[in-house]
Structures are given as C-alpha cells and as structure tokens.
Amino acid sequence: MSSNSATVPELPGVLAFGLRPLPLAPLAAALDLVVKSAARRHPGMFARLGDQAGKRFLIEPTDLPFIVVMTPRAEDPEILVVRPGEEPEADARIAGPLGALVGLIHGAYDGDALFFSRDLTVEGDMSAVVALRNALDDAEIDLVAEAAAVLGPLASPAEQVGRLAASVAERITGIAFARPRSGS
C-alpha cells in the first residue's frame, strides 16, 4: 500500500483538458447504470452502510473537470455528475487524484495513508466516509467487472475488452483502472 504522493499517479493534464468540453449526461448515465448494477450484485456492500446509506457524498477527482455526487441507498442509489462550482450540498466530500480514488476502490491504496500524506482530502461526516470505505473494502469491487456486468449476456466478452482497455489506459496514465486478478 502506498502513502507517498509521488507514487499516486495523476491523470495527464492534456487528457483532463481534453475532457472539459465533453457533456456530462452520458457519463452520469453510465455511472448510474454501473452503480445500480453493483447494488444488485453486492447488496451486502450497501447494507453495510446502514444509516449512512442515505448520505450524499461528493467524490472529487482533482485531476478531472467534474465531480461525482453519490447517494448510495441500497434500494435506489443515485449518481449525478456536475462541474466544479455546481455541486449540491453534501454530507461528505472526498477529493484527490483519480488514481488515488480508483486505488481506494480496488484496495491498492490505504485510505488512512492517503489522508495523512495529503493525497486525499476528506471533509464532513467522517462516520459516513469510514462506513463507505469499509463497505467498499469488504466488497472488493472491480470497476471493469462492474461496468461489464451492466451488459448482461455480453458481460464476459465486454470484461475481456475492458481489461485490455484498462491495461492500455494504465500504461498511458499510470492509473490502475482494474483490480488485480487473484493469482496474477
């Protein structure tokens, strides 16, 4: 697990700049599908949130031109994607480079180490943030597998293509977009 900010990759600035003019609605729709699918596939993750499930979280990749607003209710999780300055009131805010945020989901980085090294900023309801982190840790989420699962019967070939794309993206950006597979 890393705690050194020099080891947390940031998205290349030119790539982030290129994403600025893109509309947010398609990204929001895709993320919403993935999160709703994950809620069905990992009900224990959402149940583990308990009373914190109704809280609103701002997830701010500091190297991207948008903020993800998430309310992880088990029965109806909600995802919004907004531009900086347009975010609604929230119970908690988690901000850091995309590599750190994705690494937290995949278990590549320790949240405490990222916080104390100042790679990650956490504000607001700390109980909600800790509950979210613990739920994600226990679920062992793999973003590629979750995104592919949305495609139903095409999930297996989509996951293979997604893993190839994630591998290429990792070589370009240094960000691991997929959880390392067991035994690899």
N, C-alpha and C. Protein backbone atom coordinates (compact mmCIF):
# COMPACT_ATOMS: atom_id res chain seq x y z
N MET A 1 0.84 -1.18 0.00
CA MET A 1 0.00 0.00 0.00
C MET A 1 0.88 1.23 0.00
N SER A 2 0.45 2.24 -0.71
CA SER A 2 1.27 3.42 -0.89
C SER A 2 0.84 4.54 0.04
N SER A 3 1.81 5.30 0.47
CA SER A 3 1.48 6.50 1.24
C SER A 3 2.24 7.70 0.72
N ASN A 4 3.04 7.52 -0.31
CA ASN A 4 3.88 8.58 -0.85
C ASN A 4 3.18 9.23 -2.03
N SER A 5 2.96 10.55 -1.95
CA SER A 5 2.23 11.23 -3.00
C SER A 5 2.90 11.11 -4.35
N ALA A 6 4.23 10.90 -4.37
CA ALA A 6 4.92 10.75 -5.65
C ALA A 6 4.51 9.46 -6.35
N THR A 7 3.94 8.51 -5.61
CA THR A 7 3.55 7.25 -6.23
C THR A 7 2.09 7.21 -6.65
N VAL A 8 1.30 8.20 -6.27
CA VAL A 8 -0.10 8.24 -6.69
C VAL A 8 -0.16 8.95 -8.04
N PRO A 9 -0.48 8.20 -9.09
CA PRO A 9 -0.49 8.82 -10.42
C PRO A 9 -1.64 9.80 -10.58
N GLU A 10 -1.36 10.85 -11.35
CA GLU A 10 -2.41 11.81 -11.70
C GLU A 10 -2.64 11.71 -13.20
N LEU A 11 -3.87 11.95 -13.59
CA LEU A 11 -4.22 11.93 -15.00
C LEU A 11 -3.42 13.02 -15.71
N PRO A 12 -2.81 12.71 -16.84
CA PRO A 12 -2.06 13.75 -17.56
C PRO A 12 -2.95 14.96 -17.85
N GLY A 13 -2.40 16.14 -17.61
CA GLY A 13 -3.16 17.39 -17.77
C GLY A 13 -3.80 17.54 -19.14
N VAL A 14 -3.10 17.13 -20.18
CA VAL A 14 -3.64 17.27 -21.53
C VAL A 14 -4.89 16.40 -21.71
N LEU A 15 -4.91 15.24 -21.06
CA LEU A 15 -6.08 14.37 -21.14
C LEU A 15 -7.25 15.00 -20.39
N ALA A 16 -6.99 15.51 -19.20
CA ALA A 16 -8.04 16.18 -18.42
C ALA A 16 -8.57 17.39 -19.18
N PHE A 17 -7.68 18.15 -19.80
CA PHE A 17 -8.10 19.32 -20.58
C PHE A 17 -9.00 18.89 -21.74
N GLY A 18 -8.65 17.79 -22.38
CA GLY A 18 -9.45 17.29 -23.49
C GLY A 18 -10.84 16.83 -23.08
N LEU A 19 -11.01 16.48 -21.82
CA LEU A 19 -12.31 16.03 -21.32
C LEU A 19 -13.24 17.18 -20.97
N ARG A 20 -12.69 18.39 -20.80
CA ARG A 20 -13.51 19.54 -20.36
C ARG A 20 -14.75 19.81 -21.20
N PRO A 21 -14.65 19.82 -22.53
CA PRO A 21 -15.85 20.18 -23.30
C PRO A 21 -16.88 19.06 -23.43
N LEU A 22 -16.55 17.86 -23.01
CA LEU A 22 -17.48 16.75 -23.18
C LEU A 22 -18.70 16.92 -22.29
N PRO A 23 -19.88 16.52 -22.80
CA PRO A 23 -21.10 16.62 -21.98
C PRO A 23 -21.05 15.60 -20.85
N LEU A 24 -21.64 15.95 -19.72
CA LEU A 24 -21.62 15.09 -18.55
C LEU A 24 -22.75 14.06 -18.52
N ALA A 25 -23.84 14.30 -19.25
CA ALA A 25 -25.00 13.41 -19.20
C ALA A 25 -24.67 11.96 -19.56
N PRO A 26 -23.90 11.69 -20.63
CA PRO A 26 -23.58 10.28 -20.92
C PRO A 26 -22.76 9.62 -19.81
N LEU A 27 -21.82 10.36 -19.23
CA LEU A 27 -21.02 9.82 -18.13
C LEU A 27 -21.91 9.53 -16.92
N ALA A 28 -22.80 10.46 -16.61
CA ALA A 28 -23.71 10.27 -15.47
C ALA A 28 -24.60 9.05 -15.69
N ALA A 29 -25.13 8.89 -16.91
CA ALA A 29 -25.99 7.74 -17.20
C ALA A 29 -25.22 6.43 -17.07
N ALA A 30 -23.99 6.40 -17.58
CA ALA A 30 -23.17 5.18 -17.50
C ALA A 30 -22.84 4.85 -16.04
N LEU A 31 -22.41 5.84 -15.27
CA LEU A 31 -22.09 5.61 -13.86
C LEU A 31 -23.32 5.16 -13.08
N ASP A 32 -24.47 5.75 -13.40
CA ASP A 32 -25.71 5.38 -12.72
C ASP A 32 -26.04 3.90 -12.98
N LEU A 33 -25.90 3.46 -14.23
CA LEU A 33 -26.14 2.05 -14.57
C LEU A 33 -25.20 1.13 -13.79
N VAL A 34 -23.92 1.49 -13.75
CA VAL A 34 -22.93 0.66 -13.07
C VAL A 34 -23.22 0.59 -11.57
N VAL A 35 -23.54 1.71 -10.96
CA VAL A 35 -23.81 1.72 -9.51
C VAL A 35 -25.08 0.95 -9.18
N LYS A 36 -26.12 1.10 -10.00
CA LYS A 36 -27.36 0.34 -9.75
C LYS A 36 -27.11 -1.16 -9.93
N SER A 37 -26.32 -1.53 -10.92
CA SER A 37 -25.95 -2.94 -11.11
C SER A 37 -25.15 -3.45 -9.92
N ALA A 38 -24.20 -2.65 -9.45
CA ALA A 38 -23.39 -3.04 -8.29
C ALA A 38 -24.27 -3.22 -7.05
N ALA A 39 -25.31 -2.41 -6.93
CA ALA A 39 -26.23 -2.55 -5.79
C ALA A 39 -26.93 -3.90 -5.84
N ARG A 40 -27.29 -4.35 -7.04
CA ARG A 40 -27.92 -5.67 -7.18
C ARG A 40 -26.91 -6.80 -6.96
N ARG A 41 -25.69 -6.61 -7.46
CA ARG A 41 -24.67 -7.66 -7.37
C ARG A 41 -24.00 -7.75 -6.00
N HIS A 42 -23.99 -6.66 -5.26
CA HIS A 42 -23.33 -6.61 -3.95
C HIS A 42 -24.26 -5.98 -2.91
N PRO A 43 -25.40 -6.60 -2.64
CA PRO A 43 -26.33 -5.99 -1.68
C PRO A 43 -25.71 -5.81 -0.29
N GLY A 44 -24.79 -6.68 0.07
CA GLY A 44 -24.15 -6.57 1.38
C GLY A 44 -23.35 -5.29 1.53
N MET A 45 -22.78 -4.81 0.41
CA MET A 45 -22.00 -3.58 0.45
C MET A 45 -22.89 -2.41 0.87
N PHE A 46 -24.06 -2.34 0.27
CA PHE A 46 -24.97 -1.25 0.58
C PHE A 46 -25.60 -1.44 1.96
N ALA A 47 -25.87 -2.69 2.33
CA ALA A 47 -26.42 -2.97 3.66
C ALA A 47 -25.40 -2.58 4.73
N ARG A 48 -24.12 -2.77 4.44
CA ARG A 48 -23.07 -2.46 5.41
C ARG A 48 -23.03 -0.96 5.74
N LEU A 49 -23.52 -0.15 4.83
CA LEU A 49 -23.54 1.30 5.08
C LEU A 49 -24.53 1.67 6.19
N GLY A 50 -25.54 0.84 6.41
CA GLY A 50 -26.51 1.10 7.47
C GLY A 50 -27.14 2.47 7.34
N ASP A 51 -27.14 3.23 8.43
CA ASP A 51 -27.75 4.56 8.46
C ASP A 51 -27.03 5.55 7.55
N GLN A 52 -25.82 5.23 7.16
CA GLN A 52 -25.04 6.15 6.32
C GLN A 52 -25.44 6.07 4.84
N ALA A 53 -26.26 5.07 4.48
CA ALA A 53 -26.61 4.85 3.07
C ALA A 53 -27.36 6.03 2.46
N GLY A 54 -28.07 6.79 3.23
CA GLY A 54 -28.81 7.92 2.69
C GLY A 54 -27.99 9.20 2.59
N LYS A 55 -26.73 9.13 2.98
CA LYS A 55 -25.88 10.33 2.96
C LYS A 55 -25.45 10.65 1.53
N ARG A 56 -25.21 11.92 1.30
CA ARG A 56 -24.75 12.37 -0.03
C ARG A 56 -23.25 12.64 0.04
N PHE A 57 -22.52 12.00 -0.89
CA PHE A 57 -21.06 12.12 -0.95
C PHE A 57 -20.66 12.86 -2.22
N LEU A 58 -19.74 13.80 -2.09
CA LEU A 58 -19.11 14.41 -3.26
C LEU A 58 -17.79 13.68 -3.45
N ILE A 59 -17.62 13.07 -4.60
CA ILE A 59 -16.37 12.40 -4.94
C ILE A 59 -15.71 13.27 -6.00
N GLU A 60 -14.61 13.91 -5.62
CA GLU A 60 -14.00 14.91 -6.49
C GLU A 60 -12.61 14.47 -6.97
N PRO A 61 -12.55 13.93 -8.20
CA PRO A 61 -11.23 13.65 -8.77
C PRO A 61 -10.59 14.99 -9.13
N THR A 62 -9.56 15.38 -8.40
CA THR A 62 -8.98 16.71 -8.55
C THR A 62 -8.28 16.92 -9.89
N ASP A 63 -8.03 15.85 -10.62
CA ASP A 63 -7.39 15.97 -11.92
C ASP A 63 -8.38 15.80 -13.07
N LEU A 64 -9.67 15.87 -12.77
CA LEU A 64 -10.72 15.79 -13.79
C LEU A 64 -11.64 17.00 -13.68
N PRO A 65 -12.30 17.36 -14.78
CA PRO A 65 -13.16 18.55 -14.77
C PRO A 65 -14.60 18.28 -14.35
N PHE A 66 -14.82 17.35 -13.42
CA PHE A 66 -16.17 17.09 -12.93
C PHE A 66 -16.11 16.48 -11.54
N ILE A 67 -17.28 16.47 -10.89
CA ILE A 67 -17.44 15.91 -9.55
C ILE A 67 -18.59 14.91 -9.61
N VAL A 68 -18.41 13.78 -8.97
CA VAL A 68 -19.46 12.76 -8.88
C VAL A 68 -20.17 12.95 -7.55
N VAL A 69 -21.49 13.02 -7.61
CA VAL A 69 -22.32 13.15 -6.41
C VAL A 69 -23.04 11.82 -6.25
N MET A 70 -22.81 11.15 -5.12
CA MET A 70 -23.35 9.81 -4.93
C MET A 70 -24.14 9.74 -3.64
N THR A 71 -25.34 9.15 -3.74
CA THR A 71 -26.15 8.80 -2.58
C THR A 71 -26.36 7.30 -2.66
N PRO A 72 -25.60 6.52 -1.86
CA PRO A 72 -25.59 5.06 -2.01
C PRO A 72 -26.71 4.32 -1.28
N ARG A 73 -27.96 4.67 -1.59
CA ARG A 73 -29.09 3.95 -0.99
C ARG A 73 -29.18 2.56 -1.63
N ALA A 74 -29.36 1.52 -0.83
CA ALA A 74 -29.40 0.15 -1.35
C ALA A 74 -30.54 -0.03 -2.35
N GLU A 75 -31.70 0.51 -2.06
CA GLU A 75 -32.86 0.30 -2.93
C GLU A 75 -32.83 1.18 -4.17
N ASP A 76 -32.16 2.29 -4.12
CA ASP A 76 -32.13 3.19 -5.27
C ASP A 76 -30.93 4.13 -5.18
N PRO A 77 -29.72 3.61 -5.44
CA PRO A 77 -28.56 4.50 -5.39
C PRO A 77 -28.68 5.58 -6.47
N GLU A 78 -28.14 6.74 -6.16
CA GLU A 78 -28.23 7.86 -7.09
C GLU A 78 -26.84 8.41 -7.39
N ILE A 79 -26.62 8.69 -8.66
CA ILE A 79 -25.36 9.28 -9.12
C ILE A 79 -25.69 10.50 -9.97
N LEU A 80 -25.02 11.58 -9.68
CA LEU A 80 -25.07 12.79 -10.50
C LEU A 80 -23.63 13.13 -10.85
N VAL A 81 -23.44 13.78 -11.98
CA VAL A 81 -22.11 14.28 -12.34
C VAL A 81 -22.28 15.75 -12.65
N VAL A 82 -21.48 16.59 -11.98
CA VAL A 82 -21.60 18.04 -12.12
C VAL A 82 -20.23 18.66 -12.32
N ARG A 83 -20.23 19.87 -12.80
CA ARG A 83 -18.99 20.63 -12.94
C ARG A 83 -18.62 21.24 -11.58
N PRO A 84 -17.33 21.46 -11.34
CA PRO A 84 -16.93 22.14 -10.10
C PRO A 84 -17.65 23.49 -9.99
N GLY A 85 -18.14 23.78 -8.81
CA GLY A 85 -18.89 25.01 -8.57
C GLY A 85 -20.39 24.80 -8.69
N GLU A 86 -20.82 23.65 -9.25
CA GLU A 86 -22.24 23.35 -9.41
C GLU A 86 -22.71 22.25 -8.46
N GLU A 87 -21.82 21.80 -7.57
CA GLU A 87 -22.17 20.67 -6.72
C GLU A 87 -23.20 21.08 -5.66
N PRO A 88 -24.11 20.17 -5.34
CA PRO A 88 -25.13 20.44 -4.32
C PRO A 88 -24.54 20.28 -2.91
N GLU A 89 -25.34 20.60 -1.92
CA GLU A 89 -24.94 20.36 -0.52
C GLU A 89 -24.69 18.86 -0.37
N ALA A 90 -23.74 18.52 0.48
CA ALA A 90 -23.42 17.11 0.69
C ALA A 90 -23.05 16.88 2.15
N ASP A 91 -23.13 15.63 2.55
CA ASP A 91 -22.74 15.25 3.91
C ASP A 91 -21.24 15.09 4.04
N ALA A 92 -20.59 14.68 2.95
CA ALA A 92 -19.15 14.45 2.99
C ALA A 92 -18.55 14.70 1.61
N ARG A 93 -17.28 15.07 1.63
CA ARG A 93 -16.53 15.31 0.38
C ARG A 93 -15.23 14.53 0.47
N ILE A 94 -14.94 13.79 -0.60
CA ILE A 94 -13.68 13.04 -0.71
C ILE A 94 -13.03 13.52 -1.99
N ALA A 95 -11.84 14.11 -1.88
CA ALA A 95 -11.17 14.68 -3.05
C ALA A 95 -9.74 14.18 -3.13
N GLY A 96 -9.30 13.94 -4.35
CA GLY A 96 -7.93 13.51 -4.59
C GLY A 96 -7.77 13.14 -6.04
N PRO A 97 -6.56 12.84 -6.46
CA PRO A 97 -6.33 12.44 -7.85
C PRO A 97 -7.15 11.18 -8.19
N LEU A 98 -7.55 11.06 -9.44
CA LEU A 98 -8.32 9.90 -9.89
C LEU A 98 -7.61 8.60 -9.51
N GLY A 99 -6.29 8.57 -9.65
CA GLY A 99 -5.54 7.36 -9.32
C GLY A 99 -5.72 6.94 -7.87
N ALA A 100 -5.77 7.91 -6.96
CA ALA A 100 -5.98 7.61 -5.54
C ALA A 100 -7.39 7.10 -5.29
N LEU A 101 -8.38 7.76 -5.92
CA LEU A 101 -9.77 7.37 -5.71
C LEU A 101 -10.04 5.97 -6.26
N VAL A 102 -9.55 5.68 -7.46
CA VAL A 102 -9.72 4.35 -8.04
C VAL A 102 -8.93 3.32 -7.23
N GLY A 103 -7.74 3.70 -6.80
CA GLY A 103 -6.93 2.81 -5.98
C GLY A 103 -7.59 2.44 -4.67
N LEU A 104 -8.35 3.37 -4.10
CA LEU A 104 -9.12 3.06 -2.89
C LEU A 104 -10.17 1.99 -3.17
N ILE A 105 -10.87 2.14 -4.28
CA ILE A 105 -11.91 1.17 -4.65
C ILE A 105 -11.30 -0.21 -4.85
N HIS A 106 -10.15 -0.26 -5.50
CA HIS A 106 -9.51 -1.54 -5.81
C HIS A 106 -8.64 -2.08 -4.68
N GLY A 107 -8.52 -1.35 -3.60
CA GLY A 107 -7.70 -1.81 -2.49
C GLY A 107 -6.21 -1.65 -2.70
N ALA A 108 -5.81 -0.89 -3.72
CA ALA A 108 -4.39 -0.69 -4.00
C ALA A 108 -3.76 0.30 -3.02
N TYR A 109 -4.58 1.19 -2.46
CA TYR A 109 -4.08 2.20 -1.54
C TYR A 109 -4.85 2.13 -0.23
N ASP A 110 -4.19 2.47 0.83
CA ASP A 110 -4.79 2.55 2.14
C ASP A 110 -5.33 3.97 2.33
N GLY A 111 -6.62 4.07 2.67
CA GLY A 111 -7.24 5.38 2.83
C GLY A 111 -6.58 6.24 3.89
N ASP A 112 -6.20 5.64 5.01
CA ASP A 112 -5.54 6.41 6.07
C ASP A 112 -4.21 6.97 5.58
N ALA A 113 -3.44 6.15 4.88
CA ALA A 113 -2.14 6.60 4.37
C ALA A 113 -2.33 7.75 3.38
N LEU A 114 -3.34 7.64 2.50
CA LEU A 114 -3.60 8.71 1.54
C LEU A 114 -4.01 10.00 2.26
N PHE A 115 -4.81 9.86 3.30
CA PHE A 115 -5.27 11.02 4.06
C PHE A 115 -4.09 11.70 4.76
N PHE A 116 -3.26 10.92 5.44
CA PHE A 116 -2.15 11.50 6.20
C PHE A 116 -1.04 12.02 5.30
N SER A 117 -0.93 11.49 4.08
CA SER A 117 0.07 12.02 3.14
C SER A 117 -0.50 13.20 2.35
N ARG A 118 -1.75 13.53 2.61
CA ARG A 118 -2.46 14.64 1.96
C ARG A 118 -2.71 14.41 0.48
N ASP A 119 -2.68 13.16 0.06
CA ASP A 119 -3.09 12.82 -1.31
C ASP A 119 -4.60 12.82 -1.41
N LEU A 120 -5.27 12.70 -0.28
CA LEU A 120 -6.71 12.62 -0.22
C LEU A 120 -7.20 13.63 0.81
N THR A 121 -8.24 14.37 0.46
CA THR A 121 -8.86 15.32 1.38
C THR A 121 -10.25 14.79 1.71
N VAL A 122 -10.56 14.75 2.98
CA VAL A 122 -11.87 14.28 3.43
C VAL A 122 -12.47 15.36 4.31
N GLU A 123 -13.72 15.74 4.02
CA GLU A 123 -14.41 16.76 4.80
C GLU A 123 -15.82 16.28 5.10
N GLY A 124 -16.38 16.78 6.18
CA GLY A 124 -17.77 16.49 6.50
C GLY A 124 -17.93 15.33 7.46
N ASP A 125 -18.95 14.55 7.25
CA ASP A 125 -19.35 13.47 8.14
C ASP A 125 -18.36 12.30 8.04
N MET A 126 -17.42 12.26 8.99
CA MET A 126 -16.37 11.23 8.96
C MET A 126 -16.94 9.83 9.17
N SER A 127 -18.01 9.71 9.95
CA SER A 127 -18.62 8.39 10.14
C SER A 127 -19.14 7.84 8.82
N ALA A 128 -19.72 8.71 8.01
CA ALA A 128 -20.23 8.29 6.71
C ALA A 128 -19.08 7.87 5.80
N VAL A 129 -17.99 8.62 5.82
CA VAL A 129 -16.83 8.30 4.98
C VAL A 129 -16.21 6.97 5.39
N VAL A 130 -16.07 6.76 6.69
CA VAL A 130 -15.50 5.49 7.17
C VAL A 130 -16.41 4.32 6.80
N ALA A 131 -17.72 4.51 6.93
CA ALA A 131 -18.66 3.44 6.56
C ALA A 131 -18.56 3.12 5.07
N LEU A 132 -18.44 4.16 4.24
CA LEU A 132 -18.30 3.94 2.80
C LEU A 132 -17.01 3.20 2.49
N ARG A 133 -15.93 3.63 3.10
CA ARG A 133 -14.64 2.97 2.86
C ARG A 133 -14.68 1.51 3.29
N ASN A 134 -15.25 1.23 4.46
CA ASN A 134 -15.33 -0.15 4.94
C ASN A 134 -16.21 -1.01 4.04
N ALA A 135 -17.31 -0.44 3.57
CA ALA A 135 -18.20 -1.19 2.67
C ALA A 135 -17.50 -1.52 1.36
N LEU A 136 -16.76 -0.56 0.81
CA LEU A 136 -16.02 -0.80 -0.44
C LEU A 136 -14.91 -1.82 -0.22
N ASP A 137 -14.20 -1.71 0.90
CA ASP A 137 -13.13 -2.68 1.20
C ASP A 137 -13.67 -4.10 1.25
N ASP A 138 -14.78 -4.28 1.95
CA ASP A 138 -15.35 -5.62 2.11
C ASP A 138 -15.87 -6.19 0.79
N ALA A 139 -16.39 -5.33 -0.08
CA ALA A 139 -16.99 -5.80 -1.33
C ALA A 139 -15.96 -6.18 -2.39
N GLU A 140 -14.73 -5.71 -2.24
CA GLU A 140 -13.66 -5.99 -3.22
C GLU A 140 -14.14 -5.70 -4.65
N ILE A 141 -14.60 -4.49 -4.85
CA ILE A 141 -15.14 -4.06 -6.14
C ILE A 141 -14.05 -4.03 -7.21
N ASP A 142 -14.41 -4.45 -8.40
CA ASP A 142 -13.56 -4.35 -9.59
C ASP A 142 -14.36 -3.53 -10.60
N LEU A 143 -13.90 -2.33 -10.89
CA LEU A 143 -14.67 -1.43 -11.76
C LEU A 143 -14.89 -2.02 -13.15
N VAL A 144 -13.92 -2.73 -13.69
CA VAL A 144 -14.09 -3.33 -15.02
C VAL A 144 -15.20 -4.38 -14.98
N ALA A 145 -15.17 -5.26 -13.99
CA ALA A 145 -16.20 -6.30 -13.87
C ALA A 145 -17.58 -5.68 -13.65
N GLU A 146 -17.64 -4.63 -12.84
CA GLU A 146 -18.93 -3.98 -12.58
C GLU A 146 -19.48 -3.31 -13.84
N ALA A 147 -18.61 -2.64 -14.58
CA ALA A 147 -19.06 -2.00 -15.83
C ALA A 147 -19.51 -3.04 -16.84
N ALA A 148 -18.79 -4.14 -16.94
CA ALA A 148 -19.15 -5.19 -17.90
C ALA A 148 -20.46 -5.86 -17.51
N ALA A 149 -20.72 -6.02 -16.22
CA ALA A 149 -21.93 -6.70 -15.75
C ALA A 149 -23.20 -6.02 -16.24
N VAL A 150 -23.13 -4.74 -16.51
CA VAL A 150 -24.29 -3.98 -17.00
C VAL A 150 -24.78 -4.56 -18.33
N LEU A 151 -23.89 -5.19 -19.07
CA LEU A 151 -24.22 -5.68 -20.41
C LEU A 151 -24.84 -7.07 -20.42
N GLY A 152 -25.15 -7.60 -19.25
CA GLY A 152 -25.86 -8.88 -19.16
C GLY A 152 -25.14 -10.02 -19.86
N PRO A 153 -25.77 -10.61 -20.90
CA PRO A 153 -25.16 -11.77 -21.55
C PRO A 153 -23.84 -11.45 -22.27
N LEU A 154 -23.58 -10.20 -22.51
CA LEU A 154 -22.32 -9.80 -23.16
C LEU A 154 -21.24 -9.43 -22.14
N ALA A 155 -21.52 -9.67 -20.87
CA ALA A 155 -20.59 -9.25 -19.81
C ALA A 155 -19.21 -9.88 -19.95
N SER A 156 -19.15 -11.16 -20.26
CA SER A 156 -17.84 -11.83 -20.32
C SER A 156 -16.95 -11.26 -21.42
N PRO A 157 -17.43 -11.17 -22.67
CA PRO A 157 -16.56 -10.56 -23.68
C PRO A 157 -16.30 -9.07 -23.40
N ALA A 158 -17.29 -8.37 -22.85
CA ALA A 158 -17.09 -6.96 -22.53
C ALA A 158 -16.02 -6.81 -21.45
N GLU A 159 -15.99 -7.72 -20.49
CA GLU A 159 -14.98 -7.65 -19.44
C GLU A 159 -13.59 -7.89 -20.02
N GLN A 160 -13.48 -8.82 -20.96
CA GLN A 160 -12.17 -9.07 -21.60
C GLN A 160 -11.68 -7.82 -22.33
N VAL A 161 -12.58 -7.19 -23.09
CA VAL A 161 -12.23 -5.96 -23.80
C VAL A 161 -11.91 -4.86 -22.79
N GLY A 162 -12.71 -4.77 -21.73
CA GLY A 162 -12.49 -3.76 -20.70
C GLY A 162 -11.15 -3.93 -20.01
N ARG A 163 -10.74 -5.16 -19.76
CA ARG A 163 -9.44 -5.40 -19.12
C ARG A 163 -8.30 -5.00 -20.05
N LEU A 164 -8.46 -5.27 -21.33
CA LEU A 164 -7.45 -4.85 -22.30
C LEU A 164 -7.37 -3.32 -22.33
N ALA A 165 -8.53 -2.67 -22.40
CA ALA A 165 -8.57 -1.20 -22.42
C ALA A 165 -7.98 -0.63 -21.13
N ALA A 166 -8.30 -1.24 -19.99
CA ALA A 166 -7.77 -0.77 -18.70
C ALA A 166 -6.26 -0.92 -18.66
N SER A 167 -5.75 -1.99 -19.25
CA SER A 167 -4.31 -2.22 -19.29
C SER A 167 -3.61 -1.14 -20.12
N VAL A 168 -4.20 -0.82 -21.27
CA VAL A 168 -3.64 0.23 -22.13
C VAL A 168 -3.71 1.58 -21.40
N ALA A 169 -4.86 1.87 -20.79
CA ALA A 169 -5.03 3.13 -20.06
C ALA A 169 -4.03 3.23 -18.91
N GLU A 170 -3.76 2.10 -18.25
CA GLU A 170 -2.79 2.12 -17.15
C GLU A 170 -1.39 2.43 -17.68
N ARG A 171 -1.03 1.87 -18.83
CA ARG A 171 0.29 2.16 -19.40
C ARG A 171 0.42 3.63 -19.77
N ILE A 172 -0.67 4.24 -20.21
CA ILE A 172 -0.64 5.64 -20.62
C ILE A 172 -0.65 6.58 -19.41
N THR A 173 -1.50 6.27 -18.43
CA THR A 173 -1.73 7.20 -17.31
C THR A 173 -1.04 6.80 -16.01
N GLY A 174 -0.72 5.53 -15.86
CA GLY A 174 -0.19 5.04 -14.59
C GLY A 174 -1.28 4.68 -13.60
N ILE A 175 -2.54 4.88 -13.97
CA ILE A 175 -3.67 4.60 -13.09
C ILE A 175 -4.19 3.19 -13.36
N ALA A 176 -4.29 2.38 -12.32
CA ALA A 176 -4.82 1.02 -12.45
C ALA A 176 -6.34 1.09 -12.40
N PHE A 177 -6.99 0.93 -13.56
CA PHE A 177 -8.44 1.03 -13.63
C PHE A 177 -9.15 -0.28 -13.34
N ALA A 178 -8.40 -1.36 -13.12
CA ALA A 178 -8.98 -2.66 -12.80
C ALA A 178 -8.29 -3.23 -11.56
N ARG A 179 -9.06 -3.94 -10.77
CA ARG A 179 -8.49 -4.63 -9.60
C ARG A 179 -7.61 -5.75 -10.12
N PRO A 180 -6.41 -5.89 -9.55
CA PRO A 180 -5.56 -7.02 -9.97
C PRO A 180 -6.29 -8.33 -9.72
N ARG A 181 -6.20 -9.23 -10.68
CA ARG A 181 -6.87 -10.52 -10.56
C ARG A 181 -6.09 -11.42 -9.62
N SER A 182 -6.79 -12.26 -8.88
CA SER A 182 -6.14 -13.21 -7.97
C SER A 182 -5.23 -14.12 -8.77
N GLY A 183 -4.05 -14.34 -8.23
CA GLY A 183 -3.11 -15.24 -8.87
C GLY A 183 -2.35 -14.62 -10.02
N SER A 184 -2.55 -13.30 -10.27
CA SER A 184 -1.80 -12.68 -11.37
C SER A 184 -0.79 -11.70 -10.86
